[in-house]
Every structure is written in structure tokens, then in C-alpha cells.
N, C-alpha and C. Protein backbone atom coordinates (compact mmCIF):
# COMPACT_ATOMS: atom_id res chain seq x y z
N MET A 1 0.82 -1.15 0.01
CA MET A 1 -0.01 0.01 0.00
C MET A 1 0.91 1.25 -0.01
N SER A 2 0.55 2.19 -0.82
CA SER A 2 1.32 3.41 -0.95
C SER A 2 1.19 4.27 0.32
N PRO A 3 2.28 4.90 0.77
CA PRO A 3 2.18 5.77 1.94
C PRO A 3 1.40 7.05 1.66
N VAL A 4 1.17 7.38 0.43
CA VAL A 4 0.37 8.56 0.05
C VAL A 4 -0.84 8.03 -0.74
N ARG A 5 -2.00 8.17 -0.15
CA ARG A 5 -3.23 7.64 -0.78
C ARG A 5 -4.46 8.35 -0.29
N TYR A 6 -5.48 8.28 -1.10
CA TYR A 6 -6.76 8.80 -0.67
C TYR A 6 -7.55 7.72 0.06
N ILE A 7 -8.25 8.12 1.09
CA ILE A 7 -9.18 7.22 1.76
C ILE A 7 -10.52 7.91 1.83
N ASP A 8 -11.56 7.12 1.98
CA ASP A 8 -12.90 7.64 2.19
C ASP A 8 -13.19 7.55 3.66
N HIS A 9 -13.61 8.65 4.26
CA HIS A 9 -13.99 8.63 5.67
C HIS A 9 -15.30 9.37 5.79
N HIS A 10 -16.34 8.62 6.10
CA HIS A 10 -17.70 9.17 6.20
C HIS A 10 -18.11 9.94 4.97
N GLY A 11 -17.76 9.39 3.78
CA GLY A 11 -18.13 9.99 2.53
C GLY A 11 -17.27 11.14 2.06
N LYS A 12 -16.22 11.43 2.80
CA LYS A 12 -15.31 12.50 2.40
C LYS A 12 -13.98 11.91 1.95
N GLN A 13 -13.40 12.44 0.90
CA GLN A 13 -12.11 12.01 0.42
C GLN A 13 -11.01 12.73 1.19
N ILE A 14 -10.10 11.97 1.78
CA ILE A 14 -9.01 12.56 2.58
C ILE A 14 -7.70 11.96 2.04
N LEU A 15 -6.76 12.85 1.82
CA LEU A 15 -5.43 12.42 1.39
C LEU A 15 -4.58 12.09 2.62
N VAL A 16 -4.12 10.90 2.76
CA VAL A 16 -3.29 10.48 3.90
C VAL A 16 -1.84 10.45 3.40
N MET A 17 -0.96 11.15 4.15
CA MET A 17 0.46 11.09 3.88
C MET A 17 1.06 10.38 5.13
N ASP A 18 1.42 9.12 4.92
CA ASP A 18 1.71 8.26 6.02
C ASP A 18 3.27 8.06 6.12
N PHE A 19 3.87 8.67 7.13
CA PHE A 19 5.29 8.56 7.32
C PHE A 19 5.66 7.52 8.39
N THR A 20 4.67 6.70 8.81
CA THR A 20 4.88 5.74 9.90
C THR A 20 5.88 4.66 9.56
N THR A 21 6.04 4.34 8.28
CA THR A 21 6.97 3.31 7.92
C THR A 21 8.22 3.87 7.30
N SER A 22 8.40 5.16 7.38
CA SER A 22 9.57 5.86 6.84
C SER A 22 10.73 5.76 7.83
N SER A 23 11.54 4.74 7.71
CA SER A 23 12.62 4.53 8.70
C SER A 23 13.92 5.20 8.31
N SER A 24 14.04 5.64 7.06
CA SER A 24 15.24 6.32 6.66
C SER A 24 14.92 7.69 6.02
N THR A 25 15.91 8.54 5.93
CA THR A 25 15.75 9.84 5.32
C THR A 25 15.36 9.70 3.87
N ALA A 26 15.89 8.69 3.21
CA ALA A 26 15.53 8.44 1.80
C ALA A 26 14.03 8.09 1.67
N GLU A 27 13.47 7.36 2.58
CA GLU A 27 12.08 7.01 2.57
C GLU A 27 11.22 8.26 2.88
N VAL A 28 11.68 9.11 3.75
CA VAL A 28 10.93 10.37 4.05
C VAL A 28 10.93 11.22 2.76
N THR A 29 12.07 11.26 2.11
CA THR A 29 12.15 12.08 0.85
C THR A 29 11.21 11.48 -0.20
N GLN A 30 11.25 10.16 -0.35
CA GLN A 30 10.41 9.50 -1.35
C GLN A 30 8.92 9.77 -1.10
N THR A 31 8.48 9.62 0.15
CA THR A 31 7.08 9.86 0.52
C THR A 31 6.69 11.33 0.28
N SER A 32 7.58 12.22 0.67
CA SER A 32 7.38 13.64 0.48
C SER A 32 7.22 13.98 -1.00
N GLU A 33 8.08 13.46 -1.85
CA GLU A 33 8.02 13.74 -3.29
C GLU A 33 6.75 13.19 -3.92
N GLU A 34 6.38 11.96 -3.48
CA GLU A 34 5.14 11.36 -3.96
C GLU A 34 3.95 12.25 -3.57
N ALA A 35 3.94 12.72 -2.35
CA ALA A 35 2.83 13.55 -1.87
C ALA A 35 2.75 14.84 -2.71
N LYS A 36 3.88 15.49 -2.95
CA LYS A 36 3.89 16.68 -3.72
C LYS A 36 3.29 16.51 -5.15
N LYS A 37 3.64 15.37 -5.78
CA LYS A 37 3.11 15.11 -7.11
C LYS A 37 1.60 14.92 -7.08
N ILE A 38 1.12 14.16 -6.10
CA ILE A 38 -0.31 13.95 -5.99
C ILE A 38 -1.09 15.22 -5.66
N VAL A 39 -0.59 16.00 -4.74
CA VAL A 39 -1.23 17.23 -4.34
C VAL A 39 -1.28 18.24 -5.49
N ALA A 40 -0.24 18.31 -6.26
CA ALA A 40 -0.18 19.27 -7.38
C ALA A 40 -1.26 19.06 -8.41
N LEU A 41 -1.91 17.87 -8.42
CA LEU A 41 -2.94 17.59 -9.38
C LEU A 41 -4.32 18.16 -8.95
N ARG A 42 -4.37 18.73 -7.77
CA ARG A 42 -5.66 19.20 -7.24
C ARG A 42 -5.81 20.71 -7.40
N LYS A 43 -7.03 21.18 -7.26
CA LYS A 43 -7.31 22.62 -7.29
C LYS A 43 -6.87 23.23 -5.96
N PRO A 44 -6.52 24.50 -5.94
CA PRO A 44 -6.12 25.16 -4.71
C PRO A 44 -7.29 25.12 -3.68
N GLN A 45 -6.87 24.96 -2.45
CA GLN A 45 -7.79 24.92 -1.29
C GLN A 45 -8.87 23.83 -1.39
N SER A 46 -8.50 22.71 -2.02
CA SER A 46 -9.53 21.63 -2.27
C SER A 46 -9.28 20.40 -1.40
N LEU A 47 -8.16 20.28 -0.79
CA LEU A 47 -7.80 19.02 -0.13
C LEU A 47 -8.06 19.02 1.39
N LEU A 48 -8.51 17.88 1.83
CA LEU A 48 -8.49 17.53 3.27
C LEU A 48 -7.32 16.55 3.38
N ALA A 49 -6.44 16.77 4.37
CA ALA A 49 -5.25 15.95 4.44
C ALA A 49 -4.95 15.54 5.86
N LEU A 50 -4.40 14.38 6.03
CA LEU A 50 -3.94 13.89 7.29
C LEU A 50 -2.48 13.41 7.12
N VAL A 51 -1.63 13.92 7.95
CA VAL A 51 -0.19 13.53 7.90
C VAL A 51 0.10 12.76 9.18
N ASP A 52 0.55 11.56 9.07
CA ASP A 52 0.80 10.70 10.23
C ASP A 52 2.29 10.49 10.36
N PHE A 53 2.86 10.99 11.49
CA PHE A 53 4.27 10.88 11.81
C PHE A 53 4.56 9.79 12.87
N THR A 54 3.56 9.02 13.23
CA THR A 54 3.72 8.07 14.35
C THR A 54 4.96 7.20 14.14
N GLY A 55 5.83 7.20 15.12
CA GLY A 55 7.04 6.40 15.09
C GLY A 55 8.17 6.91 14.23
N MET A 56 7.97 7.96 13.57
CA MET A 56 9.04 8.48 12.65
C MET A 56 10.11 9.22 13.49
N LYS A 57 11.35 8.85 13.25
CA LYS A 57 12.45 9.59 13.90
C LYS A 57 12.56 10.91 13.23
N ILE A 58 12.69 11.97 14.05
CA ILE A 58 12.72 13.34 13.51
C ILE A 58 14.15 13.92 13.76
N ASP A 59 14.76 14.38 12.73
CA ASP A 59 16.05 15.07 12.83
C ASP A 59 16.00 16.28 11.88
N ARG A 60 17.08 17.06 11.88
CA ARG A 60 17.08 18.33 11.10
C ARG A 60 16.81 18.10 9.62
N GLU A 61 17.42 17.09 9.06
CA GLU A 61 17.23 16.81 7.62
C GLU A 61 15.77 16.44 7.31
N ARG A 62 15.20 15.63 8.15
CA ARG A 62 13.81 15.21 7.92
C ARG A 62 12.89 16.36 8.13
N ILE A 63 13.13 17.21 9.08
CA ILE A 63 12.35 18.44 9.28
C ILE A 63 12.39 19.28 8.02
N ARG A 64 13.60 19.47 7.48
CA ARG A 64 13.77 20.26 6.26
C ARG A 64 12.93 19.66 5.11
N ILE A 65 12.97 18.36 4.97
CA ILE A 65 12.20 17.73 3.90
C ILE A 65 10.66 17.93 4.10
N ILE A 66 10.21 17.71 5.33
CA ILE A 66 8.78 17.92 5.65
C ILE A 66 8.37 19.36 5.46
N GLN A 67 9.20 20.30 5.85
CA GLN A 67 8.92 21.74 5.66
C GLN A 67 8.78 22.05 4.17
N GLY A 68 9.65 21.48 3.33
CA GLY A 68 9.55 21.72 1.88
C GLY A 68 8.25 21.17 1.31
N MET A 69 7.86 19.97 1.80
CA MET A 69 6.62 19.39 1.36
C MET A 69 5.44 20.24 1.79
N ALA A 70 5.48 20.73 3.03
CA ALA A 70 4.38 21.57 3.57
C ALA A 70 4.27 22.86 2.78
N ALA A 71 5.37 23.48 2.46
CA ALA A 71 5.35 24.75 1.71
C ALA A 71 4.77 24.50 0.32
N HIS A 72 5.16 23.41 -0.34
CA HIS A 72 4.58 23.08 -1.63
C HIS A 72 3.12 22.83 -1.56
N ASN A 73 2.65 22.09 -0.55
CA ASN A 73 1.27 21.63 -0.44
C ASN A 73 0.32 22.75 0.06
N ARG A 74 0.85 23.73 0.73
CA ARG A 74 0.04 24.77 1.39
C ARG A 74 -1.11 25.32 0.54
N PRO A 75 -0.86 25.72 -0.73
CA PRO A 75 -1.92 26.31 -1.53
C PRO A 75 -3.06 25.32 -1.84
N TYR A 76 -2.84 24.07 -1.76
CA TYR A 76 -3.82 23.07 -2.18
C TYR A 76 -4.65 22.53 -0.99
N VAL A 77 -4.16 22.72 0.19
CA VAL A 77 -4.79 22.08 1.36
C VAL A 77 -5.75 23.02 2.07
N ARG A 78 -6.98 22.59 2.22
CA ARG A 78 -7.99 23.35 2.91
C ARG A 78 -7.86 23.19 4.41
N PHE A 79 -7.81 21.92 4.86
CA PHE A 79 -7.59 21.58 6.27
C PHE A 79 -6.69 20.40 6.38
N ILE A 80 -5.83 20.43 7.43
CA ILE A 80 -4.85 19.36 7.60
C ILE A 80 -4.79 18.93 9.06
N ALA A 81 -4.79 17.65 9.27
CA ALA A 81 -4.64 17.06 10.63
C ALA A 81 -3.27 16.42 10.73
N LEU A 82 -2.54 16.74 11.76
CA LEU A 82 -1.22 16.18 12.02
C LEU A 82 -1.33 15.20 13.16
N VAL A 83 -0.79 14.04 12.96
CA VAL A 83 -0.96 12.93 13.95
C VAL A 83 0.41 12.31 14.23
N GLY A 84 0.57 11.86 15.51
CA GLY A 84 1.72 11.03 15.85
C GLY A 84 3.00 11.80 16.18
N LEU A 85 2.87 13.04 16.67
CA LEU A 85 4.06 13.84 16.97
C LEU A 85 4.57 13.59 18.38
N GLY A 86 3.83 12.91 19.24
CA GLY A 86 4.25 12.72 20.59
C GLY A 86 3.87 13.96 21.43
N PHE A 87 3.92 13.75 22.72
CA PHE A 87 3.45 14.80 23.65
C PHE A 87 4.17 16.12 23.49
N PHE A 88 5.49 16.13 23.61
CA PHE A 88 6.25 17.39 23.55
C PHE A 88 6.24 18.05 22.20
N ARG A 89 6.38 17.25 21.15
CA ARG A 89 6.32 17.79 19.80
C ARG A 89 4.93 18.36 19.52
N SER A 90 3.88 17.69 20.02
CA SER A 90 2.52 18.20 19.79
C SER A 90 2.34 19.56 20.44
N ILE A 91 2.85 19.72 21.63
CA ILE A 91 2.79 21.04 22.30
C ILE A 91 3.50 22.10 21.50
N ALA A 92 4.72 21.76 21.06
CA ALA A 92 5.51 22.69 20.27
C ALA A 92 4.78 23.11 18.99
N PHE A 93 4.18 22.11 18.27
CA PHE A 93 3.47 22.36 17.03
C PHE A 93 2.24 23.24 17.34
N ARG A 94 1.53 22.95 18.40
CA ARG A 94 0.30 23.73 18.72
C ARG A 94 0.68 25.18 18.97
N VAL A 95 1.74 25.40 19.75
CA VAL A 95 2.18 26.78 20.02
C VAL A 95 2.59 27.46 18.74
N MET A 96 3.37 26.78 17.90
CA MET A 96 3.81 27.35 16.64
C MET A 96 2.63 27.73 15.74
N LEU A 97 1.63 26.82 15.63
CA LEU A 97 0.48 27.06 14.79
C LEU A 97 -0.35 28.26 15.30
N ARG A 98 -0.48 28.34 16.62
CA ARG A 98 -1.19 29.49 17.22
C ARG A 98 -0.49 30.79 16.88
N MET A 99 0.83 30.78 17.07
CA MET A 99 1.62 32.00 16.80
C MET A 99 1.50 32.38 15.32
N MET A 100 1.41 31.44 14.45
CA MET A 100 1.29 31.72 13.01
C MET A 100 -0.15 32.11 12.66
N GLY A 101 -1.08 31.92 13.58
CA GLY A 101 -2.48 32.21 13.26
C GLY A 101 -3.09 31.18 12.34
N SER A 102 -2.50 30.00 12.28
CA SER A 102 -2.98 28.96 11.35
C SER A 102 -4.25 28.33 11.88
N LEU A 103 -5.31 28.50 11.14
CA LEU A 103 -6.61 27.92 11.57
C LEU A 103 -6.97 26.64 10.82
N ASN A 104 -6.18 26.34 9.83
CA ASN A 104 -6.51 25.12 9.06
C ASN A 104 -5.69 23.90 9.43
N HIS A 105 -4.85 24.00 10.46
CA HIS A 105 -4.06 22.87 10.95
C HIS A 105 -4.53 22.55 12.36
N ARG A 106 -4.53 21.24 12.69
CA ARG A 106 -4.74 20.83 14.07
C ARG A 106 -3.86 19.59 14.31
N VAL A 107 -3.42 19.51 15.56
CA VAL A 107 -2.58 18.37 15.97
C VAL A 107 -3.42 17.43 16.84
N PHE A 108 -3.29 16.08 16.55
CA PHE A 108 -4.04 15.09 17.29
C PHE A 108 -3.12 13.97 17.70
N GLY A 109 -3.52 13.32 18.79
CA GLY A 109 -2.77 12.17 19.26
C GLY A 109 -3.08 10.90 18.50
N LYS A 110 -4.30 10.82 17.99
CA LYS A 110 -4.70 9.61 17.31
C LYS A 110 -5.32 9.91 15.95
N ARG A 111 -5.05 9.06 15.01
CA ARG A 111 -5.48 9.22 13.62
C ARG A 111 -7.00 9.38 13.50
N GLU A 112 -7.75 8.58 14.23
CA GLU A 112 -9.23 8.60 14.16
C GLU A 112 -9.75 9.99 14.56
N ARG A 113 -9.17 10.62 15.56
CA ARG A 113 -9.62 11.93 16.01
C ARG A 113 -9.32 12.98 14.88
N GLY A 114 -8.18 12.86 14.26
CA GLY A 114 -7.87 13.75 13.16
C GLY A 114 -8.83 13.63 11.99
N LEU A 115 -9.15 12.38 11.64
CA LEU A 115 -10.06 12.15 10.55
C LEU A 115 -11.45 12.71 10.88
N GLU A 116 -11.93 12.49 12.13
CA GLU A 116 -13.25 13.00 12.51
C GLU A 116 -13.27 14.53 12.44
N TRP A 117 -12.19 15.20 12.88
CA TRP A 117 -12.11 16.67 12.78
C TRP A 117 -12.19 17.12 11.32
N LEU A 118 -11.46 16.42 10.45
CA LEU A 118 -11.43 16.81 9.05
C LEU A 118 -12.82 16.75 8.42
N VAL A 119 -13.58 15.66 8.65
CA VAL A 119 -14.89 15.54 8.00
C VAL A 119 -15.87 16.52 8.61
N ARG A 120 -15.68 16.98 9.81
CA ARG A 120 -16.61 18.00 10.38
C ARG A 120 -16.33 19.38 9.84
N LYS A 121 -15.13 19.60 9.26
CA LYS A 121 -14.73 20.90 8.79
C LYS A 121 -15.40 21.29 7.44
N VAL A 122 -15.94 20.30 6.73
CA VAL A 122 -16.57 20.61 5.43
C VAL A 122 -18.03 20.26 5.45
């Protein structure tokens, strides 16, 4: 199964970018590039997306890769749920998103909660 795929959740199409099996920087890069190609096929502000980082090791290089993907995807994504960041990273992301005034991103501990939030947004 591809780490970047559409799923149906309560009748809504959600793009899942799954980094849970990305054990190397090369795999993070590959998943990120695949996501950018798929996202670029959509109309601006048309996507509901869930990004799952559960179990992914995070270092400077991987953060740089993810930031590049996020910058590319930003115009296409209407709402995005981030999952699997762990307690301290979740707090840091929430603070950062508040400071940025970002209303279309939310951080969740579990994938199901993120999916439920996304389908309620539209």
C-alpha cells in the first residue's frame, strides 16, 4: 500500500500522507516527493489531508524535507490534521500554529480523531 493515498472517511475523500513506515531519510524524501506530485494535481484549497508521523524519527534533515513538502502543499490544502508527533512535539506544534495564526491545521494524538475533525470541517 502506498504511503500517500486517498481514503474515504464518512463519505469525504481525505489524502493520507503516512510517514509511519519511513525509517530512513531516503524514505521520508520519497514519501514527500510522492505527496507533492499527487497534491499538485488538485485545485487550490480543495484538499483535506492527514499527515501521520507516528514512530518516525525526527532530525534536522527530515524536518527540512517535511517543511519543503508543507510549503509546496500549502496552496492546495484546505484543512490538515497532524498525527503522531508525541506529547512534547505536539505542544511545540500547537504553540507554533497558534503563533502563526494557522486555523486550518490541528494536531491530534490519534489518527481517528484527526479524521473526525477533518470531516466535520466541510
